[in-house]
Each structure stands twice: as C-alpha cells, then as structure tokens.
Protein backbone atom coordinates (compact mmCIF):
# COMPACT_ATOMS: atom_id res chain seq x y z
CA LEU A 1 1.18 6.85 -10.55
CA THR A 2 1.20 6.35 -14.37
CA THR A 3 3.82 7.23 -16.93
CA GLN A 4 3.18 10.95 -17.56
CA THR A 5 4.40 14.38 -16.52
CA TYR A 6 3.65 15.56 -13.08
CA TYR A 7 4.13 19.05 -11.47
CA VAL A 8 5.58 19.73 -8.04
CA THR A 9 5.39 22.96 -6.04
CA GLU A 10 6.55 24.14 -2.64
CA THR A 11 4.47 26.18 -0.21
CA THR A 12 5.81 28.25 2.57
CA ASN A 13 3.74 30.80 4.56
CA ASN A 14 0.82 30.26 2.14
CA CYS A 15 2.99 31.16 -0.88
CA GLU A 16 3.24 28.53 -3.48
CA SER A 17 6.18 28.33 -5.76
CA THR A 18 5.95 27.97 -9.61
CA PRO A 19 5.63 24.37 -10.60
CA THR A 20 8.51 22.19 -11.68
CA LEU A 21 7.76 19.65 -14.42
CA VAL A 22 8.78 16.01 -13.61
CA ALA A 23 8.49 13.25 -15.97
CA VAL A 24 7.54 9.96 -14.23
CA THR A 25 7.90 6.61 -15.86
CA VAL A 26 6.27 3.56 -14.49
CA ASN A 27 8.07 0.60 -16.13
CA THR A 28 6.42 -2.78 -16.49
CA THR A 29 7.86 -5.40 -14.16
CA PRO A 30 8.57 -8.51 -16.21
CA THR A 31 6.93 -11.87 -15.46
CA ALA A 32 8.97 -14.43 -13.81
CA PRO A 33 11.09 -16.39 -16.36
CA THR A 34 10.12 -19.88 -17.30
CA ALA A 35 12.54 -22.56 -16.09
CA ALA A 36 12.23 -26.30 -15.43
CA ALA A 37 14.00 -28.59 -13.12
CA GLN A 38 17.47 -29.49 -14.36
CA ALA A 39 19.88 -32.45 -13.82
CA PHE A 40 23.57 -32.51 -14.27
CA CYS A 41 26.32 -35.15 -13.87
CA SER A 42 29.07 -34.46 -11.26
CA ALA A 43 31.86 -35.49 -13.76
CA ASP A 44 30.77 -32.50 -15.93
CA SER A 45 31.44 -30.05 -13.00
CA PRO A 46 28.37 -28.01 -13.79
CA THR A 47 28.42 -24.31 -13.10
CA GLY A 48 26.07 -21.32 -13.36
CA ALA A 49 26.95 -21.19 -17.08
CA ASP A 50 25.07 -24.36 -17.59
CA LEU A 51 21.76 -23.09 -16.31
CA VAL A 52 18.78 -22.55 -18.49
CA PRO A 53 17.76 -19.89 -19.10
CA THR A 54 21.29 -18.58 -19.49
CA ILE A 55 22.73 -16.02 -17.04
CA SER A 56 22.71 -12.62 -18.84
CA SER A 57 22.30 -8.93 -18.15
CA SER A 58 18.54 -9.53 -17.68
CA ILE A 59 18.52 -13.10 -16.37
CA LYS A 60 19.82 -13.58 -12.79
CA TRP A 61 20.14 -16.83 -10.76
CA TYR A 62 20.26 -16.96 -6.98
CA SER A 63 21.11 -19.65 -4.54
CA ASN A 64 18.85 -18.46 -1.79
CA VAL A 65 15.14 -17.50 -1.49
CA GLY A 66 16.04 -13.98 -0.28
CA LEU A 67 17.63 -13.42 -3.66
CA THR A 68 20.82 -12.03 -1.93
CA THR A 69 23.34 -14.62 -3.13
CA PRO A 70 23.75 -14.40 -6.92
CA VAL A 71 24.94 -17.42 -9.02
CA ILE A 72 27.57 -16.32 -11.48
CA ALA A 73 28.87 -18.25 -14.58
CA GLY A 74 31.71 -19.88 -12.51
CA THR A 75 29.67 -20.76 -9.47
CA ALA A 76 29.76 -24.57 -8.85
CA LEU A 77 26.27 -25.98 -8.77
CA THR A 78 25.00 -28.33 -6.05
CA THR A 79 21.81 -30.28 -5.50
CA GLN A 80 19.54 -27.65 -4.12
CA THR A 81 16.76 -25.27 -5.03
CA TYR A 82 17.81 -22.14 -7.03
CA TYR A 83 15.86 -19.09 -8.01
CA VAL A 84 15.81 -17.22 -11.30
CA THR A 85 14.56 -13.71 -12.11
CA GLU A 86 14.33 -11.43 -15.12
CA THR A 87 15.08 -7.62 -14.94
CA THR A 88 13.91 -5.10 -17.51
CA ASN A 89 14.39 -1.30 -17.05
CA ASN A 90 15.67 -1.92 -13.49
CA CYS A 91 12.44 -3.78 -12.58
CA GLU A 92 13.19 -7.40 -11.33
CA SER A 93 10.43 -9.99 -11.65
CA THR A 94 9.34 -12.35 -8.98
CA ALA A 95 11.58 -15.49 -8.83
CA THR A 96 10.97 -18.86 -10.48
CA THR A 97 11.90 -21.73 -8.12
CA VAL A 98 13.97 -24.37 -9.79
CA ALA A 99 15.15 -27.76 -8.44
CA ILE A 100 18.71 -28.43 -9.62
CA THR A 101 20.13 -31.97 -9.13
CA VAL A 102 23.78 -32.81 -9.56
CA ASN A 103 23.88 -36.62 -9.92
CA THR A 104 27.02 -38.42 -8.85
CA THR A 105 28.76 -39.91 -11.94
CA PRO A 106 29.60 -43.54 -11.14
CA THR A 107 33.17 -44.87 -11.23
CA ALA A 108 34.22 -46.92 -14.22
CA PRO A 109 33.13 -50.59 -13.71
CA THR A 110 35.69 -53.29 -12.88
CA ALA A 111 36.34 -55.57 -15.75
CA ALA A 112 39.23 -57.99 -16.51
CA ALA A 113 40.57 -59.35 -19.79
CA GLN A 114 38.38 -62.12 -21.11
CA ALA A 115 39.13 -65.04 -23.44
CA PHE A 116 36.56 -67.10 -25.36
CA CYS A 117 36.72 -70.08 -27.81
CA SER A 118 35.49 -69.52 -31.29
CA ALA A 119 33.48 -72.70 -31.26
CA ASP A 120 31.22 -71.12 -28.62
CA SER A 121 30.38 -68.24 -30.95
CA PRO A 122 30.81 -65.62 -28.13
CA THR A 123 28.50 -62.47 -28.21
CA GLY A 124 27.92 -59.46 -26.15
CA ALA A 125 25.80 -61.56 -23.88
CA ASP A 126 28.84 -63.37 -22.69
CA LEU A 127 30.73 -60.31 -21.47
CA VAL A 128 31.41 -59.71 -17.76
CA PRO A 129 30.06 -57.46 -16.30
CA ALA A 130 26.84 -58.40 -18.13
CA LEU A 131 25.03 -55.88 -20.29
CA SER A 132 22.23 -54.37 -18.45
CA GLY A 133 20.28 -51.14 -18.04
CA SER A 134 23.32 -49.64 -16.37
CA ILE A 135 26.23 -51.54 -17.95
CA GLN A 136 27.07 -50.73 -21.62
CA TRP A 137 29.89 -52.17 -23.73
CA TYR A 138 31.38 -50.43 -26.78
CA SER A 139 33.60 -51.58 -29.58
CA ASN A 140 35.31 -48.32 -30.15
CA VAL A 141 37.18 -45.79 -27.96
CA GLY A 142 34.77 -43.05 -28.87
CA LEU A 143 31.97 -45.00 -27.17
CA THR A 144 29.74 -44.56 -30.25
CA THR A 145 29.40 -48.32 -31.36
CA PRO A 146 27.44 -50.08 -28.61
CA VAL A 147 27.83 -53.90 -28.24
CA LEU A 148 24.52 -55.60 -28.07
CA ALA A 149 23.69 -58.99 -26.56
CA GLY A 150 23.64 -60.54 -30.06
CA THR A 151 26.81 -58.79 -31.32
CA ALA A 152 29.59 -61.40 -32.28
CA LEU A 153 32.85 -60.77 -30.32
CA THR A 154 36.21 -60.61 -32.03
CA THR A 155 39.66 -60.31 -30.72
CA GLN A 156 40.09 -56.57 -30.00
CA THR A 157 39.82 -54.04 -27.29
CA TYR A 158 36.30 -53.19 -25.92
CA TYR A 159 35.13 -50.50 -23.55
CA VAL A 160 32.63 -50.87 -20.78
CA THR A 161 30.87 -48.01 -18.82
CA GLU A 162 28.26 -47.78 -16.07
CA THR A 163 25.31 -45.26 -16.09
CA THR A 164 23.45 -44.22 -13.10
CA SER A 165 20.81 -41.41 -13.11
CA GLY A 166 21.65 -40.51 -16.69
CA CYS A 167 25.40 -40.11 -15.86
CA GLU A 168 27.84 -42.39 -17.70
CA SER A 169 31.18 -43.27 -16.17
CA ALA A 170 34.51 -43.23 -17.74
CA ALA A 171 35.18 -46.40 -19.72
CA THR A 172 37.21 -49.36 -18.58
CA THR A 173 39.40 -50.74 -21.36
CA VAL A 174 39.10 -54.54 -21.70
CA ALA A 175 41.06 -56.84 -23.90
CA ILE A 176 38.88 -59.52 -25.43
CA THR A 177 40.44 -62.57 -27.07
CA VAL A 178 38.51 -65.10 -29.22
CA ASN A 179 40.82 -68.01 -29.54
CA THR A 180 40.43 -70.30 -32.58
CA THR A 181 39.04 -73.69 -31.39
CA PRO A 182 41.21 -76.35 -32.94
CA THR A 183 39.73 -79.03 -35.06
CA ALA A 184 39.36 -82.50 -33.67
CA PRO A 185 42.60 -84.50 -33.92
CA THR A 186 42.85 -87.40 -36.40
CA ALA A 187 43.02 -90.78 -34.59
CA ALA A 188 42.95 -94.19 -36.09
C-alpha cells in the first residue's frame, strides 16, 4: 500500500456495488532514537525523568525487551538494560538498547580532628585520610575549593569526601588546628 485513495466494492451474486472511496495513509515509521549508555549515582535517586533522550509524548522508555513495561518519569532506575523508542503518527520505531548503571555512592569517609604544629608547615599532604584519586579535601562547606597536597593548612574546618565510580560521598566535617610552635626558651 501507498498513501493514496483506494476504492472498495462488494460483490454478491455477480452484482458489484458502487465503489466507496477510502483514503489510505502509510506513515513513515521513525528510526530508532540515538541513546548512549548512562551512569548515575545512587545518592541522586535517579528516575525515568533523568534519562536521555527525555521521556515525552514521542519518546518512550521500557524496562523489558518486549516493550511492555514502560518507564515513567517517577520510575526508580536500577542497573540494567533499558530500551527507548520514538513514536510518530502512531508508528513506533524499533528500540535502541541502552545500558543504565546506577553506581553506589560511597559513605562519607571517617576522619577525626587533627592538630599540627606551625613549625612543621602542615599542608594538604599531611591530612588523614590522605589525598588520593578517591579522597578529596575541601576548605569550604560548598565543596568548591579543593585542598591540594601543597596547600598550606590553617586552623579552620575542612571537609573530606570519597569518590567511587564518579559518585562523590557526603562530606565529613573535620576540625583542623595549627598550633603555634613556641620559640626556644631563653637559658643562660
């Protein structure tokens, strides 16, 4: 069939009726939407609303290959394969298979108050737990000012987090004190 006008008749006892005109439309089925693997952090409680492309009247996500279990905006995501389609003029595309990973957000690292002597010129390299690929220290509660290995420490509150699989933990608040080293006593 093509998009055009067709004619239908009925024949009974070799008598054919007058034709009825019927407009037939063959809509183009859309191609499967483009979607890449996506990763989320468990602390963010990802839902269908976080998927890309975004759920809409034309974009539908499913949690099963049979496309019978739709994912709605409020559906909690889990680590599994999902399927996304596009619908135009009531024609649904084939599904694009998308790997979704929900990484576990680590717990905040354990850290106790720490005291240093000013004569030792303490820096970020002296903090415990130590700075690393997964441990990050910050000098502000907004976690926007990182402490580097060479950053001079002062008496103030610092914040330490742990990052695993791109997911950063909540911060542990740590009191850091840099005590003034006294001058050598006078002795005769």
